[in-house]
Amino acid sequence: MQLTWGGHATVLIEVDGVKLLTAPHFDHLDLPSLKRLAPETRVIVPEGAAGLIRKAGFRDVIELQEGEGTEVGPVTVLAVPADHDGRRHPFGPEVNALGYVIEGSQRLFFAGDTDLHPRLSELADTLEVALLPIWGWGHKLGPGHMDPRGAAIAAATLRPAVTVPIHWGTYFPIGMKGIRGALLEKPVRAFEQQMSEQAPDLEIQVLRPGESLRRPAASP
């Protein structure tokens, strides 16, 4: 397995010969970024979002509800619950927000954008990697987001072999350039501190945009 963080919630996941790209910038559904992919690319979205994606020129679109899965070669992508506003402002469809468990020879959890919720404990079963959001894109958080402490509690619940923080350090509101440098770094430093308190025995791996993490193949 290899993971490459593109920034924010965009991660290129390569496992068992399959490439999966999560949440192309900007903040989960950016059609100009998505259109840089070939129109035959398979796009997996929550139920209710397929029309928007097909209008963008993609022909192979799969909608999933919570609990449903789809096969991508030897890999299964399973939709799991998330606690977040699923609306795409200002004119997008209203759908249920989802996270995804990717199951192949190794098992990975991509949380997407979510707050802590009690059903996270249902996913704690031999996870190799958990990709957890630790912040948003500004200097404060609204509802439906994990902060560094919440993400550390989620990691302690999930017990993955390694946790990779995402959804931080990439975007910042216009007009605050003078202070954004330190604030962009603040969430990940707080997350490291919270992990040392909430889950000191768990491994974390902080990536910078463009950096990759490789995990060894699962033992037979």
C-alpha atoms as a PDB file:
ATOM      1  CA  MET A   1       0.000   0.000   0.000  1.00  0.00           C
ATOM      2  CA  GLN A   2       1.168   3.502  -0.826  1.00  0.00           C
ATOM      3  CA  LEU A   3      -0.549   6.747   0.169  1.00  0.00           C
ATOM      4  CA  THR A   4       0.299  10.148  -1.290  1.00  0.00           C
ATOM      5  CA  TRP A   5      -1.222  13.230   0.319  1.00  0.00           C
ATOM      6  CA  GLY A   6      -2.171  15.961  -2.132  1.00  0.00           C
ATOM      7  CA  GLY A   7      -3.214  18.376   0.599  1.00  0.00           C
ATOM      8  CA  HIS A   8      -6.493  18.895   2.465  1.00  0.00           C
ATOM      9  CA  ALA A   9      -8.589  15.715   2.007  1.00  0.00           C
ATOM     10  CA  THR A  10      -7.047  14.594  -1.270  1.00  0.00           C
ATOM     11  CA  VAL A  11      -5.159  11.304  -0.955  1.00  0.00           C
ATOM     12  CA  LEU A  12      -3.988   8.994  -3.729  1.00  0.00           C
ATOM     13  CA  ILE A  13      -4.374   5.457  -2.381  1.00  0.00           C
ATOM     14  CA  GLU A  14      -2.595   2.661  -4.228  1.00  0.00           C
ATOM     15  CA  VAL A  15      -3.385  -0.838  -3.002  1.00  0.00           C
ATOM     16  CA  ASP A  16      -3.434  -4.225  -4.746  1.00  0.00           C
ATOM     17  CA  GLY A  17      -2.843  -2.580  -8.123  1.00  0.00           C
ATOM     18  CA  VAL A  18      -5.816  -0.206  -7.749  1.00  0.00           C
ATOM     19  CA  LYS A  19      -5.543   3.599  -7.601  1.00  0.00           C
ATOM     20  CA  LEU A  20      -8.176   5.522  -5.657  1.00  0.00           C
ATOM     21  CA  LEU A  21      -8.210   9.323  -5.397  1.00  0.00           C
ATOM     22  CA  THR A  22     -10.190  10.797  -2.509  1.00  0.00           C
ATOM     23  CA  ALA A  23     -11.948  14.170  -2.443  1.00  0.00           C
ATOM     24  CA  PRO A  24     -10.220  16.020  -5.315  1.00  0.00           C
ATOM     25  CA  HIS A  25      -9.621  19.649  -4.201  1.00  0.00           C
ATOM     26  CA  PHE A  26     -11.339  22.035  -3.299  1.00  0.00           C
ATOM     27  CA  ASP A  27     -12.922  20.875  -0.061  1.00  0.00           C
ATOM     28  CA  HIS A  28     -14.332  17.543  -1.242  1.00  0.00           C
ATOM     29  CA  LEU A  29     -16.102  18.250  -4.530  1.00  0.00           C
ATOM     30  CA  ASP A  30     -14.434  20.640  -6.927  1.00  0.00           C
ATOM     31  CA  LEU A  31     -15.660  20.078 -10.464  1.00  0.00           C
ATOM     32  CA  PRO A  32     -12.758  21.899 -12.197  1.00  0.00           C
ATOM     33  CA  SER A  33     -10.303  19.595 -10.391  1.00  0.00           C
ATOM     34  CA  LEU A  34     -12.434  16.527 -11.097  1.00  0.00           C
ATOM     35  CA  LYS A  35     -12.583  17.395 -14.809  1.00  0.00           C
ATOM     36  CA  ARG A  36      -8.803  17.039 -15.010  1.00  0.00           C
ATOM     37  CA  LEU A  37      -9.401  13.294 -14.782  1.00  0.00           C
ATOM     38  CA  ALA A  38     -10.350  11.241 -17.847  1.00  0.00           C
ATOM     39  CA  PRO A  39     -14.129  11.098 -18.460  1.00  0.00           C
ATOM     40  CA  GLU A  40     -14.057   7.294 -18.253  1.00  0.00           C
ATOM     41  CA  THR A  41     -12.755   7.457 -14.671  1.00  0.00           C
ATOM     42  CA  ARG A  42     -15.107   5.721 -12.252  1.00  0.00           C
ATOM     43  CA  VAL A  43     -16.469   8.175  -9.682  1.00  0.00           C
ATOM     44  CA  ILE A  44     -17.974   6.930  -6.406  1.00  0.00           C
ATOM     45  CA  VAL A  45     -20.327   9.359  -4.676  1.00  0.00           C
ATOM     46  CA  PRO A  46     -23.083   9.401  -2.035  1.00  0.00           C
ATOM     47  CA  GLU A  47     -26.600   8.665  -3.227  1.00  0.00           C
ATOM     48  CA  GLY A  48     -28.088  11.747  -4.864  1.00  0.00           C
ATOM     49  CA  ALA A  49     -24.854  13.185  -6.262  1.00  0.00           C
ATOM     50  CA  ALA A  50     -24.586  11.207  -9.506  1.00  0.00           C
ATOM     51  CA  GLY A  51     -26.489  13.730 -11.614  1.00  0.00           C
ATOM     52  CA  LEU A  52     -24.032  16.501 -10.807  1.00  0.00           C
ATOM     53  CA  ILE A  53     -21.083  14.272 -11.720  1.00  0.00           C
ATOM     54  CA  ARG A  54     -22.636  13.037 -14.962  1.00  0.00           C
ATOM     55  CA  LYS A  55     -23.293  16.631 -16.016  1.00  0.00           C
ATOM     56  CA  ALA A  56     -19.548  17.167 -15.611  1.00  0.00           C
ATOM     57  CA  GLY A  57     -18.962  14.531 -18.310  1.00  0.00           C
ATOM     58  CA  PHE A  58     -18.278  11.375 -16.314  1.00  0.00           C
ATOM     59  CA  ARG A  59     -20.041   8.253 -17.560  1.00  0.00           C
ATOM     60  CA  ASP A  60     -19.107   5.656 -14.923  1.00  0.00           C
ATOM     61  CA  VAL A  61     -20.688   6.989 -11.725  1.00  0.00           C
ATOM     62  CA  ILE A  62     -21.640   4.811  -8.763  1.00  0.00           C
ATOM     63  CA  GLU A  63     -23.861   6.019  -5.938  1.00  0.00           C
ATOM     64  CA  LEU A  64     -23.589   4.432  -2.506  1.00  0.00           C
ATOM     65  CA  GLN A  65     -25.712   4.593   0.597  1.00  0.00           C
ATOM     66  CA  GLU A  66     -24.357   3.915   4.058  1.00  0.00           C
ATOM     67  CA  GLY A  67     -23.614   0.200   4.336  1.00  0.00           C
ATOM     68  CA  GLU A  68     -23.337  -0.358   0.585  1.00  0.00           C
ATOM     69  CA  GLY A  69     -20.121  -1.265  -1.210  1.00  0.00           C
ATOM     70  CA  THR A  70     -18.729  -1.550  -4.706  1.00  0.00           C
ATOM     71  CA  GLU A  71     -15.857  -3.511  -6.217  1.00  0.00           C
ATOM     72  CA  VAL A  72     -12.901  -1.815  -7.894  1.00  0.00           C
ATOM     73  CA  GLY A  73     -10.825  -4.700  -9.188  1.00  0.00           C
ATOM     74  CA  PRO A  74      -9.770  -6.749  -6.155  1.00  0.00           C
ATOM     75  CA  VAL A  75     -10.639  -3.902  -3.757  1.00  0.00           C
ATOM     76  CA  THR A  76     -13.975  -3.189  -2.052  1.00  0.00           C
ATOM     77  CA  VAL A  77     -15.045   0.380  -1.272  1.00  0.00           C
ATOM     78  CA  LEU A  78     -17.610   0.399   1.548  1.00  0.00           C
ATOM     79  CA  ALA A  79     -19.638   3.492   2.503  1.00  0.00           C
ATOM     80  CA  VAL A  80     -19.747   4.153   6.248  1.00  0.00           C
ATOM     81  CA  PRO A  81     -21.451   6.889   8.312  1.00  0.00           C
ATOM     82  CA  ALA A  82     -20.116  10.389   8.837  1.00  0.00           C
ATOM     83  CA  ASP A  83     -21.416  13.280  10.929  1.00  0.00           C
ATOM     84  CA  HIS A  84     -21.253  16.284   8.605  1.00  0.00           C
ATOM     85  CA  ASP A  85     -23.505  18.538   6.543  1.00  0.00           C
ATOM     86  CA  GLY A  86     -23.760  16.859   3.125  1.00  0.00           C
ATOM     87  CA  ARG A  87     -25.058  19.894   1.233  1.00  0.00           C
ATOM     88  CA  ARG A  88     -22.903  21.431  -1.508  1.00  0.00           C
ATOM     89  CA  HIS A  89     -23.420  25.188  -1.345  1.00  0.00           C
ATOM     90  CA  PRO A  90     -24.867  27.186  -2.927  1.00  0.00           C
ATOM     91  CA  PHE A  91     -26.710  25.133  -5.564  1.00  0.00           C
ATOM     92  CA  GLY A  92     -25.486  21.555  -5.166  1.00  0.00           C
ATOM     93  CA  PRO A  93     -27.585  18.546  -4.133  1.00  0.00           C
ATOM     94  CA  GLU A  94     -28.270  17.633  -0.528  1.00  0.00           C
ATOM     95  CA  VAL A  95     -26.865  14.181   0.230  1.00  0.00           C
ATOM     96  CA  ASN A  96     -25.744  12.192   3.235  1.00  0.00           C
ATOM     97  CA  ALA A  97     -22.066  12.660   4.059  1.00  0.00           C
ATOM     98  CA  LEU A  98     -20.069   9.426   4.064  1.00  0.00           C
ATOM     99  CA  GLY A  99     -16.704   8.011   4.992  1.00  0.00           C
ATOM    100  CA  TYR A 100     -15.233   4.979   3.245  1.00  0.00           C
ATOM    101  CA  VAL A 101     -13.515   1.781   4.287  1.00  0.00           C
ATOM    102  CA  ILE A 102     -11.249   0.366   1.581  1.00  0.00           C
ATOM    103  CA  GLU A 103     -10.715  -3.366   1.870  1.00  0.00           C
ATOM    104  CA  GLY A 104      -8.174  -5.366  -0.072  1.00  0.00           C
ATOM    105  CA  SER A 105      -5.166  -7.259   1.198  1.00  0.00           C
ATOM    106  CA  GLN A 106      -5.030  -4.384   3.717  1.00  0.00           C
ATOM    107  CA  ARG A 107      -7.828  -2.350   5.272  1.00  0.00           C
ATOM    108  CA  LEU A 108      -7.924   1.453   5.314  1.00  0.00           C
ATOM    109  CA  PHE A 109     -10.401   4.047   6.629  1.00  0.00           C
ATOM    110  CA  PHE A 110     -10.875   7.397   4.897  1.00  0.00           C
ATOM    111  CA  ALA A 111     -13.041   9.488   7.208  1.00  0.00           C
ATOM    112  CA  GLY A 112     -13.734  12.293   4.746  1.00  0.00           C
ATOM    113  CA  ASP A 113     -15.125  15.195   6.759  1.00  0.00           C
ATOM    114  CA  THR A 114     -16.837  14.242   9.986  1.00  0.00           C
ATOM    115  CA  ASP A 115     -17.199  14.944  13.650  1.00  0.00           C
ATOM    116  CA  LEU A 116     -16.794  12.257  16.279  1.00  0.00           C
ATOM    117  CA  HIS A 117     -19.721   9.862  16.377  1.00  0.00           C
ATOM    118  CA  PRO A 118     -20.359   6.640  18.314  1.00  0.00           C
ATOM    119  CA  ARG A 119     -20.427   4.345  15.282  1.00  0.00           C
ATOM    120  CA  LEU A 120     -16.722   4.838  14.652  1.00  0.00           C
ATOM    121  CA  SER A 121     -16.136   1.962  17.056  1.00  0.00           C
ATOM    122  CA  GLU A 122     -17.807  -0.384  14.535  1.00  0.00           C
ATOM    123  CA  LEU A 123     -14.867   0.152  12.155  1.00  0.00           C
ATOM    124  CA  ALA A 124     -12.155  -0.831  14.636  1.00  0.00           C
ATOM    125  CA  ASP A 125     -11.120  -4.125  13.084  1.00  0.00           C
ATOM    126  CA  THR A 126      -7.545  -4.641  11.842  1.00  0.00           C
ATOM    127  CA  LEU A 127      -7.184  -1.241  10.196  1.00  0.00           C
ATOM    128  CA  GLU A 128      -3.775  -0.706   8.645  1.00  0.00           C
ATOM    129  CA  VAL A 129      -4.294   3.040   8.138  1.00  0.00           C
ATOM    130  CA  ALA A 130      -6.812   5.640   9.320  1.00  0.00           C
ATOM    131  CA  LEU A 131      -6.933   8.928   7.389  1.00  0.00           C
ATOM    132  CA  LEU A 132      -8.481  11.317   9.899  1.00  0.00           C
ATOM    133  CA  PRO A 133      -9.438  14.987   9.511  1.00  0.00           C
ATOM    134  CA  ILE A 134      -7.945  17.158  12.243  1.00  0.00           C
ATOM    135  CA  TRP A 135      -9.107  20.642  11.222  1.00  0.00           C
ATOM    136  CA  GLY A 136     -10.872  22.619   8.481  1.00  0.00           C
ATOM    137  CA  TRP A 137      -9.722  25.438   6.245  1.00  0.00           C
ATOM    138  CA  GLY A 138      -9.878  28.506   8.472  1.00  0.00           C
ATOM    139  CA  HIS A 139      -8.906  29.751  11.889  1.00  0.00           C
ATOM    140  CA  LYS A 140     -11.920  28.155  13.592  1.00  0.00           C
ATOM    141  CA  LEU A 141     -14.165  25.110  13.209  1.00  0.00           C
ATOM    142  CA  GLY A 142     -17.895  24.788  12.806  1.00  0.00           C
ATOM    143  CA  PRO A 143     -20.027  21.725  13.590  1.00  0.00           C
ATOM    144  CA  GLY A 144     -19.353  18.495  11.751  1.00  0.00           C
ATOM    145  CA  HIS A 145     -15.568  18.613  12.079  1.00  0.00           C
ATOM    146  CA  MET A 146     -12.966  16.901  14.224  1.00  0.00           C
ATOM    147  CA  ASP A 147     -10.476  19.085  16.008  1.00  0.00           C
ATOM    148  CA  PRO A 148      -7.072  17.669  17.055  1.00  0.00           C
ATOM    149  CA  ARG A 149      -8.455  16.241  20.288  1.00  0.00           C
ATOM    150  CA  GLY A 150     -11.451  14.689  18.551  1.00  0.00           C
ATOM    151  CA  ALA A 151      -9.226  13.107  15.918  1.00  0.00           C
ATOM    152  CA  ALA A 152      -6.959  11.655  18.610  1.00  0.00           C
ATOM    153  CA  ILE A 153      -9.977  10.178  20.381  1.00  0.00           C
ATOM    154  CA  ALA A 154     -11.100   8.717  17.055  1.00  0.00           C
ATOM    155  CA  ALA A 155      -7.665   7.152  16.562  1.00  0.00           C
ATOM    156  CA  ALA A 156      -7.793   5.677  20.059  1.00  0.00           C
ATOM    157  CA  THR A 157     -11.175   4.172  19.174  1.00  0.00           C
ATOM    158  CA  LEU A 158     -10.163   2.825  15.768  1.00  0.00           C
ATOM    159  CA  ARG A 159      -6.723   1.459  16.805  1.00  0.00           C
ATOM    160  CA  PRO A 160      -5.130   1.524  13.317  1.00  0.00           C
ATOM    161  CA  ALA A 161      -1.548   0.474  12.737  1.00  0.00           C
ATOM    162  CA  VAL A 162      -0.843   4.057  11.664  1.00  0.00           C
ATOM    163  CA  THR A 163      -2.865   7.282  11.667  1.00  0.00           C
ATOM    164  CA  VAL A 164      -2.341   9.955   9.006  1.00  0.00           C
ATOM    165  CA  PRO A 165      -3.826  13.421   9.714  1.00  0.00           C
ATOM    166  CA  ILE A 166      -5.591  15.067   6.770  1.00  0.00           C
ATOM    167  CA  HIS A 167      -7.828  18.108   6.217  1.00  0.00           C
ATOM    168  CA  TRP A 168      -5.332  20.641   7.595  1.00  0.00           C
ATOM    169  CA  GLY A 169      -2.590  23.020   6.501  1.00  0.00           C
ATOM    170  CA  THR A 170      -3.782  23.652   2.945  1.00  0.00           C
ATOM    171  CA  TYR A 171      -6.436  26.366   2.727  1.00  0.00           C
ATOM    172  CA  PHE A 172      -6.956  29.594   4.610  1.00  0.00           C
ATOM    173  CA  PRO A 173      -9.406  32.518   4.241  1.00  0.00           C
ATOM    174  CA  ILE A 174      -8.474  35.320   1.853  1.00  0.00           C
ATOM    175  CA  GLY A 175      -7.121  38.411   3.569  1.00  0.00           C
ATOM    176  CA  MET A 176      -5.320  36.657   6.424  1.00  0.00           C
ATOM    177  CA  LYS A 177      -2.032  35.926   4.661  1.00  0.00           C
ATOM    178  CA  GLY A 178       0.051  37.588   7.331  1.00  0.00           C
ATOM    179  CA  ILE A 179      -0.900  35.112  10.059  1.00  0.00           C
ATOM    180  CA  ARG A 180      -1.761  31.956   8.156  1.00  0.00           C
ATOM    181  CA  GLY A 181       1.684  30.351   8.288  1.00  0.00           C
ATOM    182  CA  ALA A 182       1.670  29.580  11.988  1.00  0.00           C
ATOM    183  CA  LEU A 183      -2.035  28.831  12.033  1.00  0.00           C
ATOM    184  CA  LEU A 184      -1.728  26.346   9.181  1.00  0.00           C
ATOM    185  CA  GLU A 185       0.788  24.389  11.271  1.00  0.00           C
ATOM    186  CA  LYS A 186      -1.008  24.735  14.599  1.00  0.00           C
ATOM    187  CA  PRO A 187      -3.545  21.886  14.079  1.00  0.00           C
ATOM    188  CA  VAL A 188      -0.965  19.209  13.380  1.00  0.00           C
ATOM    189  CA  ARG A 189       1.178  20.204  16.360  1.00  0.00           C
ATOM    190  CA  ALA A 190      -1.912  20.066  18.565  1.00  0.00           C
ATOM    191  CA  PHE A 191      -2.827  16.678  17.088  1.00  0.00           C
ATOM    192  CA  GLU A 192       0.607  15.271  17.892  1.00  0.00           C
ATOM    193  CA  GLN A 193       0.217  16.466  21.468  1.00  0.00           C
ATOM    194  CA  GLN A 194      -3.275  15.021  21.761  1.00  0.00           C
ATOM    195  CA  MET A 195      -2.128  11.674  20.378  1.00  0.00           C
ATOM    196  CA  SER A 196       0.577  11.528  23.045  1.00  0.00           C
ATOM    197  CA  GLU A 197      -2.189  11.916  25.637  1.00  0.00           C
ATOM    198  CA  GLN A 198      -5.095   9.957  24.147  1.00  0.00           C
ATOM    199  CA  ALA A 199      -3.260   7.155  22.323  1.00  0.00           C
ATOM    200  CA  PRO A 200       0.445   7.197  23.227  1.00  0.00           C
ATOM    201  CA  ASP A 201       0.997   3.657  21.946  1.00  0.00           C
ATOM    202  CA  LEU A 202      -0.271   4.367  18.422  1.00  0.00           C
ATOM    203  CA  GLU A 203       1.881   5.392  15.462  1.00  0.00           C
ATOM    204  CA  ILE A 204       1.186   8.597  13.554  1.00  0.00           C
ATOM    205  CA  GLN A 205       2.695   9.721  10.271  1.00  0.00           C
ATOM    206  CA  VAL A 206       2.545  13.396   9.307  1.00  0.00           C
ATOM    207  CA  LEU A 207       2.823  13.970   5.560  1.00  0.00           C
ATOM    208  CA  ARG A 208       3.411  17.180   3.622  1.00  0.00           C
ATOM    209  CA  PRO A 209       1.613  17.754   0.302  1.00  0.00           C
ATOM    210  CA  GLY A 210       3.163  15.431  -2.266  1.00  0.00           C
ATOM    211  CA  GLU A 211       4.768  13.138   0.317  1.00  0.00           C
ATOM    212  CA  SER A 212       4.030   9.415   0.375  1.00  0.00           C
ATOM    213  CA  LEU A 213       3.731   6.693   2.955  1.00  0.00           C
ATOM    214  CA  ARG A 214       4.406   3.078   2.064  1.00  0.00           C
ATOM    215  CA  ARG A 215       3.134   0.182   4.142  1.00  0.00           C
ATOM    216  CA  PRO A 216       4.465  -3.379   3.744  1.00  0.00           C
ATOM    217  CA  ALA A 217       2.260  -6.036   2.213  1.00  0.00           C
ATOM    218  CA  ALA A 218       0.054  -7.968   4.587  1.00  0.00           C
ATOM    219  CA  SER A 219       1.506 -11.247   5.834  1.00  0.00           C
ATOM    220  CA  PRO A 220      -0.008 -14.303   4.125  1.00  0.00           C
END
